Structure formats: structure tokens, C-alpha cells
Amino acid sequence: MRRLLPLSLICTLLMAGVARSTTVIPPTFESLVSRANTIFVGEVMDVRAEWQTTRDGRAIKTYVTFRVEDVWKGAVGAVTQLEFLGGTIGETTMEVVGMPTFREGQRSVLFLHGEVQTASPLVGFWHGRMRVEKDPNGVDRVRTYDGRSLGSPSEVGANRANYMLSVTPMRLSDLAGAVRSRVLAGRVR
């Protein structure tokens, strides 16, 4: 029994080094806007996955091409392509937990950081993507990355206890106004 205890302790410590994960702290609205170099509304035009050779071996990267509808911060062309680690090629899938997936025709607000060679160009992985959907009256509404209603900018990153309550998602135009106000406030400082 005495020999098993040190052995199990060593195994536990070794496994702790092997089991790596990414912890993403949900950013507040202010943090999301200030950490983003570019913020735009775009519609997915194309999603394409490719094998890439890296210094650690082969990996799948997914390239998502967007038609840019509106730029709220920074600069981006009329069409832009973003690169994400992970994806599916044939029967092979490389899944990166927390990485958003996209399909043609989806509209999103994207908050991009300026870092090069990262797994995701989005601020806070999935937090840097908000879904845009039309309501029955044709009004553009905003939802979180996972489809929950976003009632106001103060709810960004908040761990709402009442997240199951039916909240009318905020208008895209209201989010645009809040982002632009925050961008201007950041410049004044």
C-alpha cells in the first residue's frame, strides 16, 4: 500500500501536465469592444476546411469567407476570410472545444483581435461571435454565440441566472450604436 500511494501521486502529477485545456473568461461588453481591433457584421459566403502542415504535425484549418455588411471598428474589405483551427474533411474531424462553427448564409457580428497565428481570430473564442437573425417582422435581432437572446450590452459575458426567460433580443441597430459609443469613449481617454 505504501508503494502505491507515491506511484499514484506521480501518475496524477504527470497526467495534470498532459491534460491541457483552454479556459475562457467571458468578457464584458466593454472588454469585448476594447480588445477587438476590428468589429464587423458579415454573412458567410463560403466555408472550406484544409489540411495544414504545422511544426507539430498535420492539422485541419477552416477558412470562412464573409461578405462584410457593416464595419463598426477598424478596417476590413468588402469580402474577408477568417482562419479557425479545426474542422471536418471527409470522415475526419478535428474538434477544438469552444470554436464556433459557421455555415453559408449565417449572419454574425464578429469581434476580431489582431493577434497572428492563433487558433481563433475572435476575441474570447466563441464570445467574439454574436448571431444575427431576422424576427417575424423582418427586424435584425442579436443573439449570443449559443443562440440565447441578448437583451442588452450589459448581458454580454454575464452569467444570467434567468437565462431561460424569454427576452426579446436587442436590435442589431441598438448593438451597433452601443459599440460605436464604446469605441468613441475609448478614443477620448
N, C-alpha and C. Protein backbone atom coordinates (compact mmCIF):
# COMPACT_ATOMS: atom_id res chain seq x y z
N MET A 1 0.83 -1.20 0.00
CA MET A 1 0.00 0.00 0.00
C MET A 1 0.87 1.25 0.00
N ARG A 2 1.99 1.21 0.74
CA ARG A 2 2.87 2.36 0.81
C ARG A 2 3.48 2.67 -0.56
N ARG A 3 3.74 1.66 -1.35
CA ARG A 3 4.33 1.87 -2.68
C ARG A 3 3.30 2.43 -3.66
N LEU A 4 2.06 2.07 -3.49
CA LEU A 4 1.02 2.54 -4.41
C LEU A 4 0.72 4.02 -4.26
N LEU A 5 0.80 4.54 -3.04
CA LEU A 5 0.50 5.95 -2.81
C LEU A 5 1.47 6.87 -3.57
N PRO A 6 2.80 6.70 -3.44
CA PRO A 6 3.71 7.55 -4.22
C PRO A 6 3.53 7.36 -5.73
N LEU A 7 3.30 6.12 -6.15
CA LEU A 7 3.11 5.85 -7.57
C LEU A 7 1.86 6.56 -8.10
N SER A 8 0.78 6.50 -7.36
CA SER A 8 -0.45 7.15 -7.80
C SER A 8 -0.30 8.68 -7.79
N LEU A 9 0.47 9.21 -6.83
CA LEU A 9 0.72 10.64 -6.79
C LEU A 9 1.53 11.08 -8.00
N ILE A 10 2.56 10.31 -8.36
CA ILE A 10 3.37 10.63 -9.54
C ILE A 10 2.52 10.58 -10.81
N CYS A 11 1.69 9.56 -10.94
CA CYS A 11 0.82 9.44 -12.12
C CYS A 11 -0.15 10.62 -12.21
N THR A 12 -0.69 11.02 -11.08
CA THR A 12 -1.62 12.15 -11.06
C THR A 12 -0.92 13.42 -11.52
N LEU A 13 0.28 13.66 -11.02
CA LEU A 13 1.04 14.86 -11.41
C LEU A 13 1.40 14.82 -12.89
N LEU A 14 1.78 13.67 -13.40
CA LEU A 14 2.11 13.55 -14.82
C LEU A 14 0.88 13.81 -15.69
N MET A 15 -0.26 13.28 -15.29
CA MET A 15 -1.49 13.46 -16.06
C MET A 15 -1.93 14.92 -16.04
N ALA A 16 -1.67 15.63 -14.96
CA ALA A 16 -2.04 17.04 -14.89
C ALA A 16 -1.29 17.83 -15.95
N GLY A 17 -0.06 17.44 -16.24
CA GLY A 17 0.70 18.12 -17.28
C GLY A 17 0.21 17.79 -18.67
N VAL A 18 -0.34 16.59 -18.85
CA VAL A 18 -0.82 16.17 -20.15
C VAL A 18 -2.19 16.75 -20.45
N ALA A 19 -3.06 16.81 -19.47
CA ALA A 19 -4.42 17.28 -19.67
C ALA A 19 -4.43 18.81 -19.72
N ARG A 20 -4.35 19.36 -20.90
CA ARG A 20 -4.37 20.81 -21.07
C ARG A 20 -5.73 21.24 -21.57
N SER A 21 -6.11 22.41 -21.16
CA SER A 21 -7.37 22.94 -21.64
C SER A 21 -7.27 24.45 -21.73
N THR A 22 -8.20 25.01 -22.44
CA THR A 22 -8.25 26.47 -22.56
C THR A 22 -9.41 26.95 -21.70
N THR A 23 -9.13 27.87 -20.83
CA THR A 23 -10.17 28.48 -20.02
C THR A 23 -10.42 29.87 -20.58
N VAL A 24 -11.65 30.14 -20.92
CA VAL A 24 -12.01 31.44 -21.46
C VAL A 24 -12.93 32.12 -20.47
N ILE A 25 -12.49 33.26 -19.96
CA ILE A 25 -13.32 34.04 -19.05
C ILE A 25 -14.23 34.90 -19.92
N PRO A 26 -15.55 34.78 -19.73
CA PRO A 26 -16.46 35.57 -20.57
C PRO A 26 -16.17 37.06 -20.45
N PRO A 27 -15.87 37.72 -21.57
CA PRO A 27 -15.58 39.15 -21.50
C PRO A 27 -16.85 39.97 -21.32
N THR A 28 -16.71 41.10 -20.65
CA THR A 28 -17.82 42.05 -20.57
C THR A 28 -17.95 42.73 -21.92
N PHE A 29 -19.02 43.45 -22.10
CA PHE A 29 -19.21 44.20 -23.34
C PHE A 29 -18.06 45.18 -23.56
N GLU A 30 -17.67 45.90 -22.51
CA GLU A 30 -16.59 46.88 -22.62
C GLU A 30 -15.29 46.20 -23.03
N SER A 31 -15.00 45.06 -22.42
CA SER A 31 -13.78 44.32 -22.73
C SER A 31 -13.80 43.77 -24.15
N LEU A 32 -14.94 43.26 -24.55
CA LEU A 32 -15.08 42.71 -25.91
C LEU A 32 -14.78 43.79 -26.95
N VAL A 33 -15.34 44.97 -26.74
CA VAL A 33 -15.15 46.07 -27.70
C VAL A 33 -13.71 46.59 -27.65
N SER A 34 -13.17 46.78 -26.45
CA SER A 34 -11.83 47.36 -26.34
C SER A 34 -10.74 46.40 -26.82
N ARG A 35 -10.92 45.09 -26.63
CA ARG A 35 -9.92 44.11 -27.06
C ARG A 35 -9.97 43.83 -28.55
N ALA A 36 -11.06 44.19 -29.20
CA ALA A 36 -11.20 43.93 -30.64
C ALA A 36 -10.52 45.02 -31.45
N ASN A 37 -9.73 44.61 -32.43
CA ASN A 37 -9.15 45.56 -33.39
C ASN A 37 -10.16 45.88 -34.49
N THR A 38 -10.98 44.89 -34.80
CA THR A 38 -11.97 45.02 -35.86
C THR A 38 -13.29 44.42 -35.40
N ILE A 39 -14.38 45.12 -35.70
CA ILE A 39 -15.72 44.60 -35.41
C ILE A 39 -16.55 44.83 -36.66
N PHE A 40 -17.16 43.76 -37.16
CA PHE A 40 -17.99 43.91 -38.36
C PHE A 40 -19.17 42.95 -38.35
N VAL A 41 -20.16 43.28 -39.18
CA VAL A 41 -21.32 42.41 -39.42
C VAL A 41 -21.07 41.77 -40.77
N GLY A 42 -21.19 40.45 -40.83
CA GLY A 42 -20.94 39.77 -42.09
C GLY A 42 -21.82 38.55 -42.29
N GLU A 43 -21.95 38.17 -43.55
CA GLU A 43 -22.69 36.96 -43.92
C GLU A 43 -21.73 35.95 -44.51
N VAL A 44 -21.83 34.71 -44.06
CA VAL A 44 -20.94 33.66 -44.53
C VAL A 44 -21.24 33.35 -45.99
N MET A 45 -20.19 33.44 -46.80
CA MET A 45 -20.29 33.13 -48.23
C MET A 45 -19.77 31.72 -48.53
N ASP A 46 -18.74 31.31 -47.75
CA ASP A 46 -18.09 30.03 -48.04
C ASP A 46 -17.40 29.51 -46.79
N VAL A 47 -17.42 28.19 -46.62
CA VAL A 47 -16.71 27.53 -45.52
C VAL A 47 -15.92 26.39 -46.16
N ARG A 48 -14.60 26.40 -45.93
CA ARG A 48 -13.73 25.42 -46.55
C ARG A 48 -12.67 24.96 -45.55
N ALA A 49 -12.52 23.64 -45.40
CA ALA A 49 -11.52 23.08 -44.49
C ALA A 49 -10.38 22.49 -45.32
N GLU A 50 -9.14 22.65 -44.80
CA GLU A 50 -7.95 22.14 -45.48
C GLU A 50 -6.98 21.56 -44.46
N TRP A 51 -6.22 20.57 -44.92
CA TRP A 51 -5.12 20.06 -44.10
C TRP A 51 -3.98 21.06 -44.18
N GLN A 52 -3.35 21.31 -43.03
CA GLN A 52 -2.18 22.19 -42.97
C GLN A 52 -1.06 21.45 -42.25
N THR A 53 0.16 21.62 -42.72
CA THR A 53 1.31 21.06 -42.03
C THR A 53 1.84 22.11 -41.07
N THR A 54 1.96 21.72 -39.81
CA THR A 54 2.47 22.63 -38.78
C THR A 54 3.75 22.04 -38.20
N ARG A 55 4.41 22.77 -37.33
CA ARG A 55 5.64 22.26 -36.71
C ARG A 55 5.34 21.07 -35.81
N ASP A 56 4.07 20.91 -35.39
CA ASP A 56 3.68 19.79 -34.53
C ASP A 56 3.04 18.64 -35.30
N GLY A 57 2.94 18.75 -36.61
CA GLY A 57 2.30 17.70 -37.41
C GLY A 57 1.24 18.30 -38.32
N ARG A 58 0.25 17.50 -38.65
CA ARG A 58 -0.84 17.98 -39.52
C ARG A 58 -2.03 18.40 -38.69
N ALA A 59 -2.74 19.40 -39.20
CA ALA A 59 -3.94 19.89 -38.52
C ALA A 59 -4.94 20.32 -39.58
N ILE A 60 -6.20 20.36 -39.18
CA ILE A 60 -7.24 20.87 -40.07
C ILE A 60 -7.50 22.32 -39.70
N LYS A 61 -7.54 23.18 -40.70
CA LYS A 61 -7.92 24.57 -40.51
C LYS A 61 -9.12 24.85 -41.40
N THR A 62 -10.05 25.64 -40.85
CA THR A 62 -11.24 26.00 -41.60
C THR A 62 -11.17 27.47 -41.96
N TYR A 63 -11.42 27.75 -43.24
CA TYR A 63 -11.41 29.11 -43.76
C TYR A 63 -12.86 29.53 -44.02
N VAL A 64 -13.27 30.62 -43.38
CA VAL A 64 -14.64 31.10 -43.51
C VAL A 64 -14.57 32.46 -44.21
N THR A 65 -15.26 32.56 -45.35
CA THR A 65 -15.28 33.81 -46.12
C THR A 65 -16.58 34.54 -45.84
N PHE A 66 -16.46 35.83 -45.52
CA PHE A 66 -17.61 36.66 -45.19
C PHE A 66 -17.78 37.80 -46.19
N ARG A 67 -19.03 38.08 -46.53
CA ARG A 67 -19.37 39.32 -47.21
C ARG A 67 -19.63 40.32 -46.10
N VAL A 68 -18.86 41.38 -46.06
CA VAL A 68 -18.95 42.35 -44.98
C VAL A 68 -20.09 43.32 -45.27
N GLU A 69 -21.02 43.41 -44.33
CA GLU A 69 -22.18 44.30 -44.47
C GLU A 69 -21.92 45.67 -43.87
N ASP A 70 -21.24 45.69 -42.70
CA ASP A 70 -21.03 46.95 -41.99
C ASP A 70 -19.82 46.79 -41.09
N VAL A 71 -18.98 47.81 -41.01
CA VAL A 71 -17.80 47.79 -40.13
C VAL A 71 -18.05 48.79 -39.02
N TRP A 72 -17.92 48.33 -37.78
CA TRP A 72 -18.17 49.18 -36.61
C TRP A 72 -16.88 49.66 -35.96
N LYS A 73 -15.79 48.95 -36.22
CA LYS A 73 -14.49 49.34 -35.66
C LYS A 73 -13.40 48.77 -36.55
N GLY A 74 -12.35 49.54 -36.77
CA GLY A 74 -11.23 49.06 -37.57
C GLY A 74 -11.52 49.14 -39.06
N ALA A 75 -10.80 48.34 -39.81
CA ALA A 75 -10.95 48.33 -41.27
C ALA A 75 -10.90 46.90 -41.78
N VAL A 76 -11.74 46.62 -42.74
CA VAL A 76 -11.79 45.31 -43.38
C VAL A 76 -12.41 45.50 -44.76
N GLY A 77 -12.02 44.68 -45.72
CA GLY A 77 -12.54 44.80 -47.08
C GLY A 77 -13.99 44.36 -47.19
N ALA A 78 -14.52 44.47 -48.39
CA ALA A 78 -15.91 44.08 -48.66
C ALA A 78 -16.11 42.57 -48.50
N VAL A 79 -15.04 41.82 -48.72
CA VAL A 79 -15.04 40.38 -48.50
C VAL A 79 -13.79 40.08 -47.68
N THR A 80 -13.95 39.28 -46.64
CA THR A 80 -12.80 38.93 -45.80
C THR A 80 -12.87 37.46 -45.42
N GLN A 81 -11.70 36.87 -45.21
CA GLN A 81 -11.62 35.46 -44.86
C GLN A 81 -10.95 35.31 -43.50
N LEU A 82 -11.55 34.49 -42.64
CA LEU A 82 -11.00 34.22 -41.31
C LEU A 82 -10.59 32.75 -41.24
N GLU A 83 -9.55 32.49 -40.44
CA GLU A 83 -9.00 31.14 -40.31
C GLU A 83 -9.20 30.63 -38.88
N PHE A 84 -9.76 29.43 -38.77
CA PHE A 84 -10.03 28.81 -37.48
C PHE A 84 -9.37 27.44 -37.42
N LEU A 85 -8.81 27.08 -36.27
CA LEU A 85 -8.25 25.76 -36.09
C LEU A 85 -9.39 24.77 -35.93
N GLY A 86 -9.28 23.63 -36.60
CA GLY A 86 -10.30 22.59 -36.51
C GLY A 86 -11.20 22.57 -37.73
N GLY A 87 -12.01 21.54 -37.81
CA GLY A 87 -12.94 21.41 -38.93
C GLY A 87 -13.09 19.95 -39.33
N THR A 88 -13.76 19.74 -40.45
CA THR A 88 -14.01 18.40 -40.95
C THR A 88 -13.61 18.29 -42.41
N ILE A 89 -12.86 17.23 -42.72
CA ILE A 89 -12.51 16.89 -44.09
C ILE A 89 -12.88 15.43 -44.27
N GLY A 90 -13.85 15.18 -45.14
CA GLY A 90 -14.32 13.81 -45.33
C GLY A 90 -14.85 13.23 -44.04
N GLU A 91 -14.30 12.11 -43.61
CA GLU A 91 -14.72 11.44 -42.38
C GLU A 91 -13.89 11.86 -41.16
N THR A 92 -12.93 12.76 -41.37
CA THR A 92 -12.03 13.15 -40.28
C THR A 92 -12.43 14.52 -39.73
N THR A 93 -12.62 14.58 -38.43
CA THR A 93 -12.97 15.83 -37.75
C THR A 93 -11.93 16.14 -36.70
N MET A 94 -11.47 17.39 -36.71
CA MET A 94 -10.60 17.89 -35.65
C MET A 94 -11.42 18.92 -34.90
N GLU A 95 -11.84 18.57 -33.68
CA GLU A 95 -12.70 19.45 -32.91
C GLU A 95 -11.89 20.24 -31.89
N VAL A 96 -12.09 21.54 -31.88
CA VAL A 96 -11.50 22.41 -30.89
C VAL A 96 -12.66 22.91 -30.04
N VAL A 97 -12.67 22.52 -28.78
CA VAL A 97 -13.77 22.89 -27.89
C VAL A 97 -13.86 24.41 -27.79
N GLY A 98 -15.07 24.92 -27.97
CA GLY A 98 -15.29 26.36 -27.89
C GLY A 98 -15.12 27.09 -29.20
N MET A 99 -14.74 26.39 -30.24
CA MET A 99 -14.57 27.04 -31.54
C MET A 99 -15.93 27.11 -32.22
N PRO A 100 -16.33 28.29 -32.65
CA PRO A 100 -17.62 28.39 -33.33
C PRO A 100 -17.57 27.71 -34.70
N THR A 101 -18.73 27.25 -35.13
CA THR A 101 -18.84 26.70 -36.48
C THR A 101 -19.75 27.62 -37.28
N PHE A 102 -19.54 27.64 -38.58
CA PHE A 102 -20.28 28.54 -39.45
C PHE A 102 -20.85 27.75 -40.63
N ARG A 103 -21.94 28.26 -41.18
CA ARG A 103 -22.49 27.68 -42.41
C ARG A 103 -22.92 28.82 -43.33
N GLU A 104 -22.92 28.53 -44.60
CA GLU A 104 -23.27 29.55 -45.60
C GLU A 104 -24.61 30.19 -45.28
N GLY A 105 -24.67 31.50 -45.45
CA GLY A 105 -25.89 32.25 -45.24
C GLY A 105 -26.05 32.80 -43.83
N GLN A 106 -25.30 32.28 -42.86
CA GLN A 106 -25.39 32.79 -41.48
C GLN A 106 -24.84 34.21 -41.41
N ARG A 107 -25.50 35.01 -40.60
CA ARG A 107 -25.03 36.38 -40.36
C ARG A 107 -24.56 36.49 -38.92
N SER A 108 -23.49 37.24 -38.73
CA SER A 108 -22.91 37.38 -37.39
C SER A 108 -22.28 38.76 -37.22
N VAL A 109 -22.17 39.16 -35.95
CA VAL A 109 -21.32 40.28 -35.57
C VAL A 109 -20.05 39.62 -35.05
N LEU A 110 -18.90 40.02 -35.60
CA LEU A 110 -17.63 39.38 -35.24
C LEU A 110 -16.68 40.40 -34.63
N PHE A 111 -16.12 40.03 -33.49
CA PHE A 111 -15.16 40.86 -32.76
C PHE A 111 -13.79 40.20 -32.92
N LEU A 112 -12.92 40.80 -33.72
CA LEU A 112 -11.63 40.19 -34.04
C LEU A 112 -10.49 40.85 -33.29
N HIS A 113 -9.61 40.02 -32.72
CA HIS A 113 -8.39 40.56 -32.13
C HIS A 113 -7.34 40.64 -33.23
N GLY A 114 -6.26 41.29 -32.99
CA GLY A 114 -5.23 41.46 -34.02
C GLY A 114 -4.08 40.49 -33.93
N GLU A 115 -4.19 39.48 -33.08
CA GLU A 115 -3.09 38.54 -32.89
C GLU A 115 -2.96 37.61 -34.09
N VAL A 116 -1.71 37.31 -34.45
CA VAL A 116 -1.42 36.45 -35.60
C VAL A 116 -1.13 35.03 -35.10
N GLN A 117 -1.46 34.04 -35.92
CA GLN A 117 -1.18 32.64 -35.61
C GLN A 117 -1.85 32.15 -34.33
N THR A 118 -3.12 32.41 -34.20
CA THR A 118 -3.87 31.89 -33.07
C THR A 118 -4.89 30.88 -33.57
N ALA A 119 -5.47 30.14 -32.65
CA ALA A 119 -6.47 29.13 -33.01
C ALA A 119 -7.74 29.78 -33.55
N SER A 120 -8.06 30.97 -33.04
CA SER A 120 -9.27 31.68 -33.45
C SER A 120 -8.97 33.18 -33.53
N PRO A 121 -9.48 33.84 -34.56
CA PRO A 121 -9.29 35.29 -34.66
C PRO A 121 -10.27 36.08 -33.80
N LEU A 122 -11.19 35.38 -33.13
CA LEU A 122 -12.23 36.05 -32.35
C LEU A 122 -11.77 36.34 -30.92
N VAL A 123 -12.17 37.47 -30.40
CA VAL A 123 -11.91 37.81 -29.01
C VAL A 123 -12.69 36.81 -28.15
N GLY A 124 -12.00 36.15 -27.23
CA GLY A 124 -12.69 35.23 -26.32
C GLY A 124 -13.30 34.02 -27.00
N PHE A 125 -12.64 33.49 -28.03
CA PHE A 125 -13.13 32.35 -28.79
C PHE A 125 -14.58 32.59 -29.23
N TRP A 126 -15.52 31.81 -28.70
CA TRP A 126 -16.91 31.88 -29.13
C TRP A 126 -17.60 33.16 -28.70
N HIS A 127 -17.11 33.82 -27.66
CA HIS A 127 -17.74 35.05 -27.18
C HIS A 127 -17.63 36.18 -28.21
N GLY A 128 -16.66 36.08 -29.10
CA GLY A 128 -16.45 37.11 -30.11
C GLY A 128 -17.35 36.98 -31.32
N ARG A 129 -18.36 36.15 -31.20
CA ARG A 129 -19.34 35.99 -32.29
C ARG A 129 -20.74 36.14 -31.72
N MET A 130 -21.52 37.02 -32.31
CA MET A 130 -22.94 37.16 -31.97
C MET A 130 -23.74 36.87 -33.23
N ARG A 131 -24.78 36.09 -33.08
CA ARG A 131 -25.61 35.72 -34.22
C ARG A 131 -26.60 36.84 -34.54
N VAL A 132 -26.87 37.01 -35.82
CA VAL A 132 -27.86 37.98 -36.27
C VAL A 132 -28.96 37.21 -36.98
N GLU A 133 -30.19 37.42 -36.54
CA GLU A 133 -31.34 36.74 -37.13
C GLU A 133 -32.47 37.73 -37.32
N LYS A 134 -33.25 37.53 -38.36
CA LYS A 134 -34.43 38.39 -38.58
C LYS A 134 -35.61 37.85 -37.78
N ASP A 135 -36.34 38.77 -37.13
CA ASP A 135 -37.54 38.34 -36.42
C ASP A 135 -38.70 38.26 -37.42
N PRO A 136 -39.89 37.84 -36.99
CA PRO A 136 -41.02 37.71 -37.92
C PRO A 136 -41.39 39.01 -38.65
N ASN A 137 -41.00 40.15 -38.07
CA ASN A 137 -41.29 41.45 -38.70
C ASN A 137 -40.16 41.93 -39.59
N GLY A 138 -39.13 41.11 -39.76
CA GLY A 138 -38.01 41.47 -40.62
C GLY A 138 -36.96 42.34 -39.95
N VAL A 139 -37.01 42.46 -38.62
CA VAL A 139 -36.05 43.27 -37.88
C VAL A 139 -34.85 42.40 -37.50
N ASP A 140 -33.64 42.90 -37.75
CA ASP A 140 -32.42 42.17 -37.37
C ASP A 140 -32.28 42.20 -35.85
N ARG A 141 -32.16 41.00 -35.26
CA ARG A 141 -32.02 40.85 -33.81
C ARG A 141 -30.71 40.13 -33.51
N VAL A 142 -30.19 40.35 -32.30
CA VAL A 142 -28.89 39.80 -31.91
C VAL A 142 -29.06 38.73 -30.84
N ARG A 143 -28.34 37.64 -31.03
CA ARG A 143 -28.31 36.55 -30.06
C ARG A 143 -26.84 36.27 -29.72
N THR A 144 -26.64 35.60 -28.60
CA THR A 144 -25.29 35.23 -28.21
C THR A 144 -24.76 34.14 -29.14
N TYR A 145 -23.51 33.79 -28.97
CA TYR A 145 -22.87 32.75 -29.78
C TYR A 145 -23.64 31.44 -29.75
N ASP A 146 -24.32 31.16 -28.62
CA ASP A 146 -25.03 29.88 -28.48
C ASP A 146 -26.54 30.01 -28.71
N GLY A 147 -26.98 31.15 -29.25
CA GLY A 147 -28.37 31.31 -29.63
C GLY A 147 -29.29 31.91 -28.58
N ARG A 148 -28.76 32.23 -27.38
CA ARG A 148 -29.60 32.85 -26.35
C ARG A 148 -29.90 34.30 -26.71
N SER A 149 -31.05 34.76 -26.29
CA SER A 149 -31.44 36.15 -26.53
C SER A 149 -30.49 37.08 -25.81
N LEU A 150 -30.05 38.13 -26.48
CA LEU A 150 -29.22 39.16 -25.87
C LEU A 150 -30.08 40.40 -25.76
N GLY A 151 -30.51 40.70 -24.55
CA GLY A 151 -31.43 41.82 -24.35
C GLY A 151 -30.77 43.18 -24.32
N SER A 152 -29.49 43.23 -23.90
CA SER A 152 -28.76 44.50 -23.83
C SER A 152 -27.27 44.21 -23.76
N PRO A 153 -26.44 45.23 -24.04
CA PRO A 153 -24.99 45.03 -23.95
C PRO A 153 -24.52 44.61 -22.55
N SER A 154 -25.23 45.02 -21.52
CA SER A 154 -24.82 44.66 -20.15
C SER A 154 -24.90 43.15 -19.90
N GLU A 155 -25.62 42.43 -20.75
CA GLU A 155 -25.75 40.98 -20.60
C GLU A 155 -24.60 40.22 -21.24
N VAL A 156 -23.74 40.90 -21.99
CA VAL A 156 -22.61 40.24 -22.62
C VAL A 156 -21.67 39.75 -21.53
N GLY A 157 -21.35 38.46 -21.55
CA GLY A 157 -20.45 37.89 -20.56
C GLY A 157 -21.08 37.61 -19.22
N ALA A 158 -22.28 38.10 -19.00
CA ALA A 158 -22.94 37.89 -17.71
C ALA A 158 -23.43 36.46 -17.60
N ASN A 159 -23.30 35.91 -16.45
CA ASN A 159 -23.80 34.57 -16.19
C ASN A 159 -25.20 34.72 -15.59
N ARG A 160 -26.17 34.92 -16.47
CA ARG A 160 -27.53 35.21 -16.01
C ARG A 160 -28.18 33.98 -15.40
N ALA A 161 -28.72 34.15 -14.22
CA ALA A 161 -29.43 33.06 -13.56
C ALA A 161 -30.75 32.79 -14.28
N ASN A 162 -31.32 33.80 -14.90
CA ASN A 162 -32.63 33.67 -15.55
C ASN A 162 -32.49 33.57 -17.07
N TYR A 163 -31.43 32.92 -17.54
CA TYR A 163 -31.19 32.87 -18.98
C TYR A 163 -32.28 32.14 -19.75
N MET A 164 -33.10 31.37 -19.08
CA MET A 164 -34.18 30.65 -19.76
C MET A 164 -35.41 31.52 -19.99
N LEU A 165 -35.47 32.68 -19.32
CA LEU A 165 -36.62 33.56 -19.52
C LEU A 165 -36.64 34.07 -20.95
N SER A 166 -37.82 34.26 -21.45
CA SER A 166 -37.98 34.78 -22.81
C SER A 166 -37.69 36.27 -22.81
N VAL A 167 -36.62 36.64 -23.47
CA VAL A 167 -36.22 38.03 -23.59
C VAL A 167 -36.20 38.36 -25.08
N THR A 168 -36.78 39.48 -25.44
CA THR A 168 -36.72 39.87 -26.84
C THR A 168 -35.29 40.28 -27.15
N PRO A 169 -34.65 39.64 -28.12
CA PRO A 169 -33.28 40.01 -28.45
C PRO A 169 -33.21 41.47 -28.90
N MET A 170 -32.11 42.12 -28.55
CA MET A 170 -31.95 43.53 -28.92
C MET A 170 -31.81 43.66 -30.43
N ARG A 171 -32.13 44.83 -30.93
CA ARG A 171 -31.99 45.12 -32.35
C ARG A 171 -30.51 45.23 -32.69
N LEU A 172 -30.17 44.81 -33.89
CA LEU A 172 -28.82 44.95 -34.38
C LEU A 172 -28.40 46.42 -34.39
N SER A 173 -29.32 47.30 -34.76
CA SER A 173 -29.02 48.73 -34.80
C SER A 173 -28.70 49.28 -33.40
N ASP A 174 -29.35 48.74 -32.36
CA ASP A 174 -29.05 49.16 -30.99
C ASP A 174 -27.66 48.69 -30.56
N LEU A 175 -27.29 47.47 -30.94
CA LEU A 175 -25.95 46.98 -30.63
C LEU A 175 -24.91 47.81 -31.38
N ALA A 176 -25.18 48.14 -32.62
CA ALA A 176 -24.25 48.98 -33.41
C ALA A 176 -24.02 50.31 -32.71
N GLY A 177 -25.09 50.94 -32.25
CA GLY A 177 -24.98 52.21 -31.54
C GLY A 177 -24.16 52.09 -30.26
N ALA A 178 -24.39 50.99 -29.51
CA ALA A 178 -23.65 50.78 -28.27
C ALA A 178 -22.17 50.54 -28.54
N VAL A 179 -21.86 49.77 -29.58
CA VAL A 179 -20.46 49.50 -29.92
C VAL A 179 -19.78 50.80 -30.35
N ARG A 180 -20.42 51.55 -31.23
CA ARG A 180 -19.81 52.79 -31.71
C ARG A 180 -19.61 53.80 -30.58
N SER A 181 -20.55 53.87 -29.66
CA SER A 181 -20.40 54.76 -28.49
C SER A 181 -19.21 54.33 -27.64
N ARG A 182 -19.08 53.02 -27.44
CA ARG A 182 -17.97 52.49 -26.64
C ARG A 182 -16.63 52.74 -27.33
N VAL A 183 -16.60 52.59 -28.65
CA VAL A 183 -15.37 52.86 -29.42
C VAL A 183 -14.98 54.32 -29.26
N LEU A 184 -15.96 55.24 -29.38
CA LEU A 184 -15.67 56.66 -29.22
C LEU A 184 -15.21 56.98 -27.79
N ALA A 185 -15.83 56.37 -26.81
CA ALA A 185 -15.45 56.59 -25.42
C ALA A 185 -14.01 56.13 -25.18
N GLY A 186 -13.60 55.06 -25.84
CA GLY A 186 -12.24 54.55 -25.71
C GLY A 186 -11.22 55.49 -26.32
N ARG A 187 -11.61 56.18 -27.39
CA ARG A 187 -10.70 57.12 -28.05
C ARG A 187 -10.50 58.38 -27.25
N VAL A 188 -11.52 58.77 -26.48
CA VAL A 188 -11.47 60.01 -25.71
C VAL A 188 -10.46 59.89 -24.57
N ARG A 189 -10.28 58.70 -24.04
CA ARG A 189 -9.41 58.50 -22.87
C ARG A 189 -8.00 58.78 -23.19
